[in-house]
Amino acid sequence: MSEATREVFDTLARVLLRCWIFGFVLLMMWFGFYMLLGDVIYGLHGEMFGLSKHELDVIHYCGMGLVKLLVFVCFLFPWLAITLVLRKEKG
């Protein structure tokens, strides 16, 4: 692998790692806000859309699960693959 290609993959790996961290922070903030302000969120959106508390909980739980899946599949797994290839090339 040429040095230029290695630098591109190294930069891509650093970007993917930062994206994974930001995505995970977003999930933690979403979870925290929902745990702390769940009643306020239900008061705003439950009445606006005619949702029960259970329905709103399911929507948020599924949304968090989807975002978590996307963050892992789109950022963490590619970062891991690139990092393993770079280490193999180095050694």
PDB file of N, CA and C in Angstrom:
ATOM      1  N   MET A   1       0.852  -1.171   0.000  1.00  0.00           N
ATOM      2  CA  MET A   1       0.000   0.000   0.000  1.00  0.00           C
ATOM      3  C   MET A   1       0.899   1.235   0.000  1.00  0.00           C
ATOM      4  N   SER A   2       0.588   2.185  -0.855  1.00  0.00           N
ATOM      5  CA  SER A   2       1.412   3.392  -0.942  1.00  0.00           C
ATOM      6  C   SER A   2       1.186   4.275   0.290  1.00  0.00           C
ATOM      7  N   GLU A   3       2.118   5.176   0.510  1.00  0.00           N
ATOM      8  CA  GLU A   3       2.026   6.073   1.668  1.00  0.00           C
ATOM      9  C   GLU A   3       0.817   6.993   1.562  1.00  0.00           C
ATOM     10  N   ALA A   4       0.493   7.473   0.357  1.00  0.00           N
ATOM     11  CA  ALA A   4      -0.658   8.351   0.167  1.00  0.00           C
ATOM     12  C   ALA A   4      -1.961   7.613   0.490  1.00  0.00           C
ATOM     13  N   THR A   5      -2.058   6.364   0.041  1.00  0.00           N
ATOM     14  CA  THR A   5      -3.253   5.564   0.329  1.00  0.00           C
ATOM     15  C   THR A   5      -3.373   5.305   1.812  1.00  0.00           C
ATOM     16  N   ARG A   6      -2.251   5.022   2.463  1.00  0.00           N
ATOM     17  CA  ARG A   6      -2.249   4.790   3.908  1.00  0.00           C
ATOM     18  C   ARG A   6      -2.727   6.037   4.659  1.00  0.00           C
ATOM     19  N   GLU A   7      -2.279   7.216   4.222  1.00  0.00           N
ATOM     20  CA  GLU A   7      -2.696   8.463   4.858  1.00  0.00           C
ATOM     21  C   GLU A   7      -4.192   8.698   4.682  1.00  0.00           C
ATOM     22  N   VAL A   8      -4.716   8.396   3.498  1.00  0.00           N
ATOM     23  CA  VAL A   8      -6.153   8.561   3.251  1.00  0.00           C
ATOM     24  C   VAL A   8      -6.950   7.650   4.172  1.00  0.00           C
ATOM     25  N   PHE A   9      -6.538   6.383   4.277  1.00  0.00           N
ATOM     26  CA  PHE A   9      -7.256   5.454   5.153  1.00  0.00           C
ATOM     27  C   PHE A   9      -7.097   5.821   6.622  1.00  0.00           C
ATOM     28  N   ASP A  10      -5.933   6.322   6.996  1.00  0.00           N
ATOM     29  CA  ASP A  10      -5.732   6.752   8.377  1.00  0.00           C
ATOM     30  C   ASP A  10      -6.653   7.933   8.710  1.00  0.00           C
ATOM     31  N   THR A  11      -6.744   8.884   7.802  1.00  0.00           N
ATOM     32  CA  THR A  11      -7.643  10.029   8.002  1.00  0.00           C
ATOM     33  C   THR A  11      -9.091   9.575   8.048  1.00  0.00           C
ATOM     34  N   LEU A  12      -9.471   8.682   7.150  1.00  0.00           N
ATOM     35  CA  LEU A  12     -10.836   8.160   7.145  1.00  0.00           C
ATOM     36  C   LEU A  12     -11.155   7.440   8.452  1.00  0.00           C
ATOM     37  N   ALA A  13     -10.195   6.682   8.961  1.00  0.00           N
ATOM     38  CA  ALA A  13     -10.403   5.974  10.226  1.00  0.00           C
ATOM     39  C   ALA A  13     -10.609   6.963  11.366  1.00  0.00           C
ATOM     40  N   ARG A  14      -9.836   8.043  11.388  1.00  0.00           N
ATOM     41  CA  ARG A  14     -10.008   9.050  12.448  1.00  0.00           C
ATOM     42  C   ARG A  14     -11.362   9.737  12.344  1.00  0.00           C
ATOM     43  N   VAL A  15     -11.807  10.029  11.130  1.00  0.00           N
ATOM     44  CA  VAL A  15     -13.117  10.659  10.933  1.00  0.00           C
ATOM     45  C   VAL A  15     -14.235   9.709  11.386  1.00  0.00           C
ATOM     46  N   LEU A  16     -14.138   8.442  11.006  1.00  0.00           N
ATOM     47  CA  LEU A  16     -15.155   7.465  11.395  1.00  0.00           C
ATOM     48  C   LEU A  16     -15.217   7.298  12.911  1.00  0.00           C
ATOM     49  N   LEU A  17     -14.068   7.306  13.577  1.00  0.00           N
ATOM     50  CA  LEU A  17     -14.056   7.187  15.030  1.00  0.00           C
ATOM     51  C   LEU A  17     -14.731   8.387  15.679  1.00  0.00           C
ATOM     52  N   ARG A  18     -14.455   9.571  15.177  1.00  0.00           N
ATOM     53  CA  ARG A  18     -15.103  10.774  15.723  1.00  0.00           C
ATOM     54  C   ARG A  18     -16.608  10.748  15.469  1.00  0.00           C
ATOM     55  N   CYS A  19     -17.019  10.294  14.305  1.00  0.00           N
ATOM     56  CA  CYS A  19     -18.451  10.186  14.005  1.00  0.00           C
ATOM     57  C   CYS A  19     -19.126   9.195  14.945  1.00  0.00           C
ATOM     58  N   TRP A  20     -18.437   8.080  15.234  1.00  0.00           N
ATOM     59  CA  TRP A  20     -18.995   7.106  16.164  1.00  0.00           C
ATOM     60  C   TRP A  20     -19.143   7.717  17.554  1.00  0.00           C
ATOM     61  N   ILE A  21     -18.147   8.458  17.983  1.00  0.00           N
ATOM     62  CA  ILE A  21     -18.221   9.108  19.300  1.00  0.00           C
ATOM     63  C   ILE A  21     -19.363  10.106  19.334  1.00  0.00           C
ATOM     64  N   PHE A  22     -19.487  10.936  18.320  1.00  0.00           N
ATOM     65  CA  PHE A  22     -20.576  11.916  18.282  1.00  0.00           C
ATOM     66  C   PHE A  22     -21.942  11.228  18.252  1.00  0.00           C
ATOM     67  N   GLY A  23     -22.052  10.152  17.492  1.00  0.00           N
ATOM     68  CA  GLY A  23     -23.317   9.406  17.446  1.00  0.00           C
ATOM     69  C   GLY A  23     -23.666   8.812  18.787  1.00  0.00           C
ATOM     70  N   PHE A  24     -22.665   8.280  19.481  1.00  0.00           N
ATOM     71  CA  PHE A  24     -22.899   7.703  20.803  1.00  0.00           C
ATOM     72  C   PHE A  24     -23.283   8.789  21.810  1.00  0.00           C
ATOM     73  N   VAL A  25     -22.639   9.951  21.717  1.00  0.00           N
ATOM     74  CA  VAL A  25     -23.004  11.078  22.587  1.00  0.00           C
ATOM     75  C   VAL A  25     -24.439  11.516  22.310  1.00  0.00           C
ATOM     76  N   LEU A  26     -24.828  11.567  21.039  1.00  0.00           N
ATOM     77  CA  LEU A  26     -26.206  11.893  20.688  1.00  0.00           C
ATOM     78  C   LEU A  26     -27.182  10.914  21.326  1.00  0.00           C
ATOM     79  N   LEU A  27     -26.869   9.620  21.263  1.00  0.00           N
ATOM     80  CA  LEU A  27     -27.733   8.616  21.889  1.00  0.00           C
ATOM     81  C   LEU A  27     -27.834   8.817  23.397  1.00  0.00           C
ATOM     82  N   MET A  28     -26.724   9.091  24.047  1.00  0.00           N
ATOM     83  CA  MET A  28     -26.733   9.297  25.491  1.00  0.00           C
ATOM     84  C   MET A  28     -27.529  10.543  25.867  1.00  0.00           C
ATOM     85  N   MET A  29     -27.397  11.600  25.060  1.00  0.00           N
ATOM     86  CA  MET A  29     -28.180  12.813  25.325  1.00  0.00           C
ATOM     87  C   MET A  29     -29.670  12.545  25.127  1.00  0.00           C
ATOM     88  N   TRP A  30     -30.029  11.847  24.059  1.00  0.00           N
ATOM     89  CA  TRP A  30     -31.417  11.507  23.796  1.00  0.00           C
ATOM     90  C   TRP A  30     -31.992  10.713  24.964  1.00  0.00           C
ATOM     91  N   PHE A  31     -31.242   9.684  25.394  1.00  0.00           N
ATOM     92  CA  PHE A  31     -31.685   8.867  26.516  1.00  0.00           C
ATOM     93  C   PHE A  31     -31.824   9.705  27.790  1.00  0.00           C
ATOM     94  N   GLY A  32     -30.830  10.548  28.064  1.00  0.00           N
ATOM     95  CA  GLY A  32     -30.872  11.389  29.252  1.00  0.00           C
ATOM     96  C   GLY A  32     -32.035  12.360  29.245  1.00  0.00           C
ATOM     97  N   PHE A  33     -32.233  13.032  28.116  1.00  0.00           N
ATOM     98  CA  PHE A  33     -33.361  13.964  28.019  1.00  0.00           C
ATOM     99  C   PHE A  33     -34.683  13.227  28.167  1.00  0.00           C
ATOM    100  N   TYR A  34     -34.768  12.058  27.572  1.00  0.00           N
ATOM    101  CA  TYR A  34     -36.031  11.320  27.662  1.00  0.00           C
ATOM    102  C   TYR A  34     -36.289  10.826  29.078  1.00  0.00           C
ATOM    103  N   MET A  35     -35.245  10.430  29.791  1.00  0.00           N
ATOM    104  CA  MET A  35     -35.417   9.987  31.176  1.00  0.00           C
ATOM    105  C   MET A  35     -35.766  11.160  32.086  1.00  0.00           C
ATOM    106  N   LEU A  36     -35.116  12.301  31.877  1.00  0.00           N
ATOM    107  CA  LEU A  36     -35.350  13.462  32.730  1.00  0.00           C
ATOM    108  C   LEU A  36     -36.620  14.221  32.374  1.00  0.00           C
ATOM    109  N   LEU A  37     -36.910  14.328  31.099  1.00  0.00           N
ATOM    110  CA  LEU A  37     -38.020  15.168  30.634  1.00  0.00           C
ATOM    111  C   LEU A  37     -39.099  14.369  29.916  1.00  0.00           C
ATOM    112  N   GLY A  38     -39.242  13.097  30.260  1.00  0.00           N
ATOM    113  CA  GLY A  38     -40.221  12.252  29.582  1.00  0.00           C
ATOM    114  C   GLY A  38     -41.641  12.772  29.665  1.00  0.00           C
ATOM    115  N   ASP A  39     -42.025  13.292  30.834  1.00  0.00           N
ATOM    116  CA  ASP A  39     -43.386  13.809  30.995  1.00  0.00           C
ATOM    117  C   ASP A  39     -43.604  15.079  30.176  1.00  0.00           C
ATOM    118  N   VAL A  40     -42.584  15.925  30.110  1.00  0.00           N
ATOM    119  CA  VAL A  40     -42.690  17.148  29.305  1.00  0.00           C
ATOM    120  C   VAL A  40     -42.804  16.783  27.828  1.00  0.00           C
ATOM    121  N   ILE A  41     -41.992  15.842  27.383  1.00  0.00           N
ATOM    122  CA  ILE A  41     -42.036  15.398  25.987  1.00  0.00           C
ATOM    123  C   ILE A  41     -43.399  14.795  25.675  1.00  0.00           C
ATOM    124  N   TYR A  42     -43.911  13.991  26.601  1.00  0.00           N
ATOM    125  CA  TYR A  42     -45.243  13.412  26.394  1.00  0.00           C
ATOM    126  C   TYR A  42     -46.314  14.505  26.370  1.00  0.00           C
ATOM    127  N   GLY A  43     -46.181  15.488  27.251  1.00  0.00           N
ATOM    128  CA  GLY A  43     -47.148  16.588  27.274  1.00  0.00           C
ATOM    129  C   GLY A  43     -47.191  17.338  25.953  1.00  0.00           C
ATOM    130  N   LEU A  44     -46.038  17.518  25.333  1.00  0.00           N
ATOM    131  CA  LEU A  44     -45.983  18.238  24.053  1.00  0.00           C
ATOM    132  C   LEU A  44     -46.443  17.368  22.885  1.00  0.00           C
ATOM    133  N   HIS A  45     -45.837  16.202  22.745  1.00  0.00           N
ATOM    134  CA  HIS A  45     -46.071  15.394  21.562  1.00  0.00           C
ATOM    135  C   HIS A  45     -47.243  14.432  21.692  1.00  0.00           C
ATOM    136  N   GLY A  46     -47.517  13.986  22.906  1.00  0.00           N
ATOM    137  CA  GLY A  46     -48.627  13.052  23.099  1.00  0.00           C
ATOM    138  C   GLY A  46     -49.956  13.669  22.707  1.00  0.00           C
ATOM    139  N   GLU A  47     -50.191  14.867  23.196  1.00  0.00           N
ATOM    140  CA  GLU A  47     -51.451  15.546  22.875  1.00  0.00           C
ATOM    141  C   GLU A  47     -51.481  16.011  21.424  1.00  0.00           C
ATOM    142  N   MET A  48     -50.336  16.452  20.924  1.00  0.00           N
ATOM    143  CA  MET A  48     -50.265  16.964  19.557  1.00  0.00           C
ATOM    144  C   MET A  48     -50.611  15.881  18.531  1.00  0.00           C
ATOM    145  N   PHE A  49     -50.155  14.666  18.776  1.00  0.00           N
ATOM    146  CA  PHE A  49     -50.357  13.586  17.819  1.00  0.00           C
ATOM    147  C   PHE A  49     -51.326  12.525  18.315  1.00  0.00           C
ATOM    148  N   GLY A  50     -51.918  12.728  19.474  1.00  0.00           N
ATOM    149  CA  GLY A  50     -52.875  11.763  20.003  1.00  0.00           C
ATOM    150  C   GLY A  50     -52.246  10.429  20.373  1.00  0.00           C
ATOM    151  N   LEU A  51     -51.063  10.468  20.984  1.00  0.00           N
ATOM    152  CA  LEU A  51     -50.339   9.252  21.341  1.00  0.00           C
ATOM    153  C   LEU A  51     -50.479   8.967  22.836  1.00  0.00           C
ATOM    154  N   SER A  52     -50.539   7.689  23.154  1.00  0.00           N
ATOM    155  CA  SER A  52     -50.519   7.319  24.567  1.00  0.00           C
ATOM    156  C   SER A  52     -49.067   7.342  25.053  1.00  0.00           C
ATOM    157  N   LYS A  53     -48.893   7.298  26.361  1.00  0.00           N
ATOM    158  CA  LYS A  53     -47.537   7.281  26.935  1.00  0.00           C
ATOM    159  C   LYS A  53     -46.767   6.056  26.430  1.00  0.00           C
ATOM    160  N   HIS A  54     -47.446   4.921  26.377  1.00  0.00           N
ATOM    161  CA  HIS A  54     -46.801   3.689  25.909  1.00  0.00           C
ATOM    162  C   HIS A  54     -46.371   3.816  24.444  1.00  0.00           C
ATOM    163  N   GLU A  55     -47.225   4.368  23.608  1.00  0.00           N
ATOM    164  CA  GLU A  55     -46.885   4.522  22.190  1.00  0.00           C
ATOM    165  C   GLU A  55     -45.675   5.440  22.011  1.00  0.00           C
ATOM    166  N   LEU A  56     -45.626   6.512  22.781  1.00  0.00           N
ATOM    167  CA  LEU A  56     -44.493   7.429  22.686  1.00  0.00           C
ATOM    168  C   LEU A  56     -43.211   6.759  23.185  1.00  0.00           C
ATOM    169  N   ASP A  57     -43.318   5.954  24.241  1.00  0.00           N
ATOM    170  CA  ASP A  57     -42.157   5.204  24.729  1.00  0.00           C
ATOM    171  C   ASP A  57     -41.634   4.249  23.668  1.00  0.00           C
ATOM    172  N   VAL A  58     -42.536   3.556  22.991  1.00  0.00           N
ATOM    173  CA  VAL A  58     -42.133   2.606  21.944  1.00  0.00           C
ATOM    174  C   VAL A  58     -41.472   3.339  20.779  1.00  0.00           C
ATOM    175  N   ILE A  59     -42.007   4.478  20.399  1.00  0.00           N
ATOM    176  CA  ILE A  59     -41.428   5.258  19.305  1.00  0.00           C
ATOM    177  C   ILE A  59     -40.012   5.694  19.651  1.00  0.00           C
ATOM    178  N   HIS A  60     -39.820   6.204  20.863  1.00  0.00           N
ATOM    179  CA  HIS A  60     -38.486   6.643  21.265  1.00  0.00           C
ATOM    180  C   HIS A  60     -37.532   5.466  21.405  1.00  0.00           C
ATOM    181  N   TYR A  61     -37.982   4.369  21.962  1.00  0.00           N
ATOM    182  CA  TYR A  61     -37.137   3.194  22.127  1.00  0.00           C
ATOM    183  C   TYR A  61     -36.700   2.653  20.760  1.00  0.00           C
ATOM    184  N   CYS A  62     -37.629   2.552  19.828  1.00  0.00           N
ATOM    185  CA  CYS A  62     -37.283   2.082  18.478  1.00  0.00           C
ATOM    186  C   CYS A  62     -36.370   3.075  17.767  1.00  0.00           C
ATOM    187  N   GLY A  63     -36.614   4.363  17.950  1.00  0.00           N
ATOM    188  CA  GLY A  63     -35.745   5.373  17.346  1.00  0.00           C
ATOM    189  C   GLY A  63     -34.328   5.289  17.863  1.00  0.00           C
ATOM    190  N   MET A  64     -34.188   5.133  19.181  1.00  0.00           N
ATOM    191  CA  MET A  64     -32.857   4.999  19.758  1.00  0.00           C
ATOM    192  C   MET A  64     -32.179   3.721  19.264  1.00  0.00           C
ATOM    193  N   GLY A  65     -32.935   2.660  19.150  1.00  0.00           N
ATOM    194  CA  GLY A  65     -32.378   1.409  18.638  1.00  0.00           C
ATOM    195  C   GLY A  65     -31.912   1.547  17.196  1.00  0.00           C
ATOM    196  N   LEU A  66     -32.687   2.225  16.368  1.00  0.00           N
ATOM    197  CA  LEU A  66     -32.314   2.434  14.971  1.00  0.00           C
ATOM    198  C   LEU A  66     -31.051   3.286  14.852  1.00  0.00           C
ATOM    199  N   VAL A  67     -31.001   4.373  15.608  1.00  0.00           N
ATOM    200  CA  VAL A  67     -29.821   5.238  15.572  1.00  0.00           C
ATOM    201  C   VAL A  67     -28.594   4.476  16.066  1.00  0.00           C
ATOM    202  N   LYS A  68     -28.763   3.686  17.124  1.00  0.00           N
ATOM    203  CA  LYS A  68     -27.657   2.888  17.647  1.00  0.00           C
ATOM    204  C   LYS A  68     -27.152   1.905  16.590  1.00  0.00           C
ATOM    205  N   LEU A  69     -28.069   1.233  15.919  1.00  0.00           N
ATOM    206  CA  LEU A  69     -27.691   0.299  14.868  1.00  0.00           C
ATOM    207  C   LEU A  69     -26.949   1.000  13.740  1.00  0.00           C
ATOM    208  N   LEU A  70     -27.457   2.139  13.302  1.00  0.00           N
ATOM    209  CA  LEU A  70     -26.822   2.878  12.215  1.00  0.00           C
ATOM    210  C   LEU A  70     -25.445   3.397  12.609  1.00  0.00           C
ATOM    211  N   VAL A  71     -25.311   3.874  13.843  1.00  0.00           N
ATOM    212  CA  VAL A  71     -24.019   4.376  14.308  1.00  0.00           C
ATOM    213  C   VAL A  71     -22.993   3.247  14.324  1.00  0.00           C
ATOM    214  N   PHE A  72     -23.403   2.073  14.787  1.00  0.00           N
ATOM    215  CA  PHE A  72     -22.470   0.954  14.814  1.00  0.00           C
ATOM    216  C   PHE A  72     -22.125   0.481  13.410  1.00  0.00           C
ATOM    217  N   VAL A  73     -23.133   0.305  12.568  1.00  0.00           N
ATOM    218  CA  VAL A  73     -22.899  -0.253  11.232  1.00  0.00           C
ATOM    219  C   VAL A  73     -22.174   0.745  10.321  1.00  0.00           C
ATOM    220  N   CYS A  74     -22.521   2.015  10.411  1.00  0.00           N
ATOM    221  CA  CYS A  74     -21.952   2.997   9.481  1.00  0.00           C
ATOM    222  C   CYS A  74     -20.639   3.601   9.955  1.00  0.00           C
ATOM    223  N   PHE A  75     -20.370   3.588  11.259  1.00  0.00           N
ATOM    224  CA  PHE A  75     -19.166   4.248  11.759  1.00  0.00           C
ATOM    225  C   PHE A  75     -18.204   3.303  12.481  1.00  0.00           C
ATOM    226  N   LEU A  76     -18.694   2.519  13.431  1.00  0.00           N
ATOM    227  CA  LEU A  76     -17.789   1.705  14.235  1.00  0.00           C
ATOM    228  C   LEU A  76     -17.206   0.535  13.438  1.00  0.00           C
ATOM    229  N   PHE A  77     -18.036  -0.212  12.745  1.00  0.00           N
ATOM    230  CA  PHE A  77     -17.548  -1.371  12.004  1.00  0.00           C
ATOM    231  C   PHE A  77     -16.577  -0.983  10.894  1.00  0.00           C
ATOM    232  N   PRO A  78     -16.857   0.070  10.092  1.00  0.00           N
ATOM    233  CA  PRO A  78     -15.855   0.468   9.089  1.00  0.00           C
ATOM    234  C   PRO A  78     -14.552   0.949   9.730  1.00  0.00           C
ATOM    235  N   TRP A  79     -14.647   1.681  10.843  1.00  0.00           N
ATOM    236  CA  TRP A  79     -13.429   2.119  11.543  1.00  0.00           C
ATOM    237  C   TRP A  79     -12.615   0.911  11.988  1.00  0.00           C
ATOM    238  N   LEU A  80     -13.280  -0.074  12.549  1.00  0.00           N
ATOM    239  CA  LEU A  80     -12.598  -1.275  13.010  1.00  0.00           C
ATOM    240  C   LEU A  80     -11.931  -2.010  11.851  1.00  0.00           C
ATOM    241  N   ALA A  81     -12.638  -2.134  10.741  1.00  0.00           N
ATOM    242  CA  ALA A  81     -12.080  -2.824   9.571  1.00  0.00           C
ATOM    243  C   ALA A  81     -10.855  -2.084   9.029  1.00  0.00           C
ATOM    244  N   ILE A  82     -10.951  -0.774   8.895  1.00  0.00           N
ATOM    245  CA  ILE A  82      -9.823   0.009   8.380  1.00  0.00           C
ATOM    246  C   ILE A  82      -8.642  -0.074   9.339  1.00  0.00           C
ATOM    247  N   THR A  83      -8.906   0.021  10.635  1.00  0.00           N
ATOM    248  CA  THR A  83      -7.839  -0.047  11.629  1.00  0.00           C
ATOM    249  C   THR A  83      -7.135  -1.403  11.578  1.00  0.00           C
ATOM    250  N   LEU A  84      -7.887  -2.467  11.439  1.00  0.00           N
ATOM    251  CA  LEU A  84      -7.275  -3.794  11.363  1.00  0.00           C
ATOM    252  C   LEU A  84      -6.433  -3.954  10.097  1.00  0.00           C
ATOM    253  N   VAL A  85      -6.906  -3.438   8.976  1.00  0.00           N
ATOM    254  CA  VAL A  85      -6.141  -3.514   7.730  1.00  0.00           C
ATOM    255  C   VAL A  85      -4.863  -2.690   7.845  1.00  0.00           C
ATOM    256  N   LEU A  86      -4.951  -1.500   8.423  1.00  0.00           N
ATOM    257  CA  LEU A  86      -3.752  -0.661   8.566  1.00  0.00           C
ATOM    258  C   LEU A  86      -2.727  -1.324   9.486  1.00  0.00           C
ATOM    259  N   ARG A  87      -3.182  -1.962  10.555  1.00  0.00           N
ATOM    260  CA  ARG A  87      -2.256  -2.640  11.458  1.00  0.00           C
ATOM    261  C   ARG A  87      -1.600  -3.846  10.769  1.00  0.00           C
ATOM    262  N   LYS A  88      -2.381  -4.547   9.946  1.00  0.00           N
ATOM    263  CA  LYS A  88      -1.837  -5.709   9.237  1.00  0.00           C
ATOM    264  C   LYS A  88      -0.780  -5.260   8.232  1.00  0.00           C
ATOM    265  N   GLU A  89      -1.054  -4.162   7.545  1.00  0.00           N
ATOM    266  CA  GLU A  89      -0.097  -3.628   6.562  1.00  0.00           C
ATOM    267  C   GLU A  89       1.170  -3.139   7.248  1.00  0.00           C
ATOM    268  N   LYS A  90       1.025  -2.595   8.445  1.00  0.00           N
ATOM    269  CA  LYS A  90       2.169  -2.041   9.170  1.00  0.00           C
ATOM    270  C   LYS A  90       3.099  -3.157   9.669  1.00  0.00           C
ATOM    271  N   GLY A  91       2.478  -4.241  10.164  1.00  0.00           N
ATOM    272  CA  GLY A  91       3.285  -5.289  10.775  1.00  0.00           C
ATOM    273  C   GLY A  91       3.761  -6.347   9.875  1.00  0.00           C
TER     274      GLY A  91
END
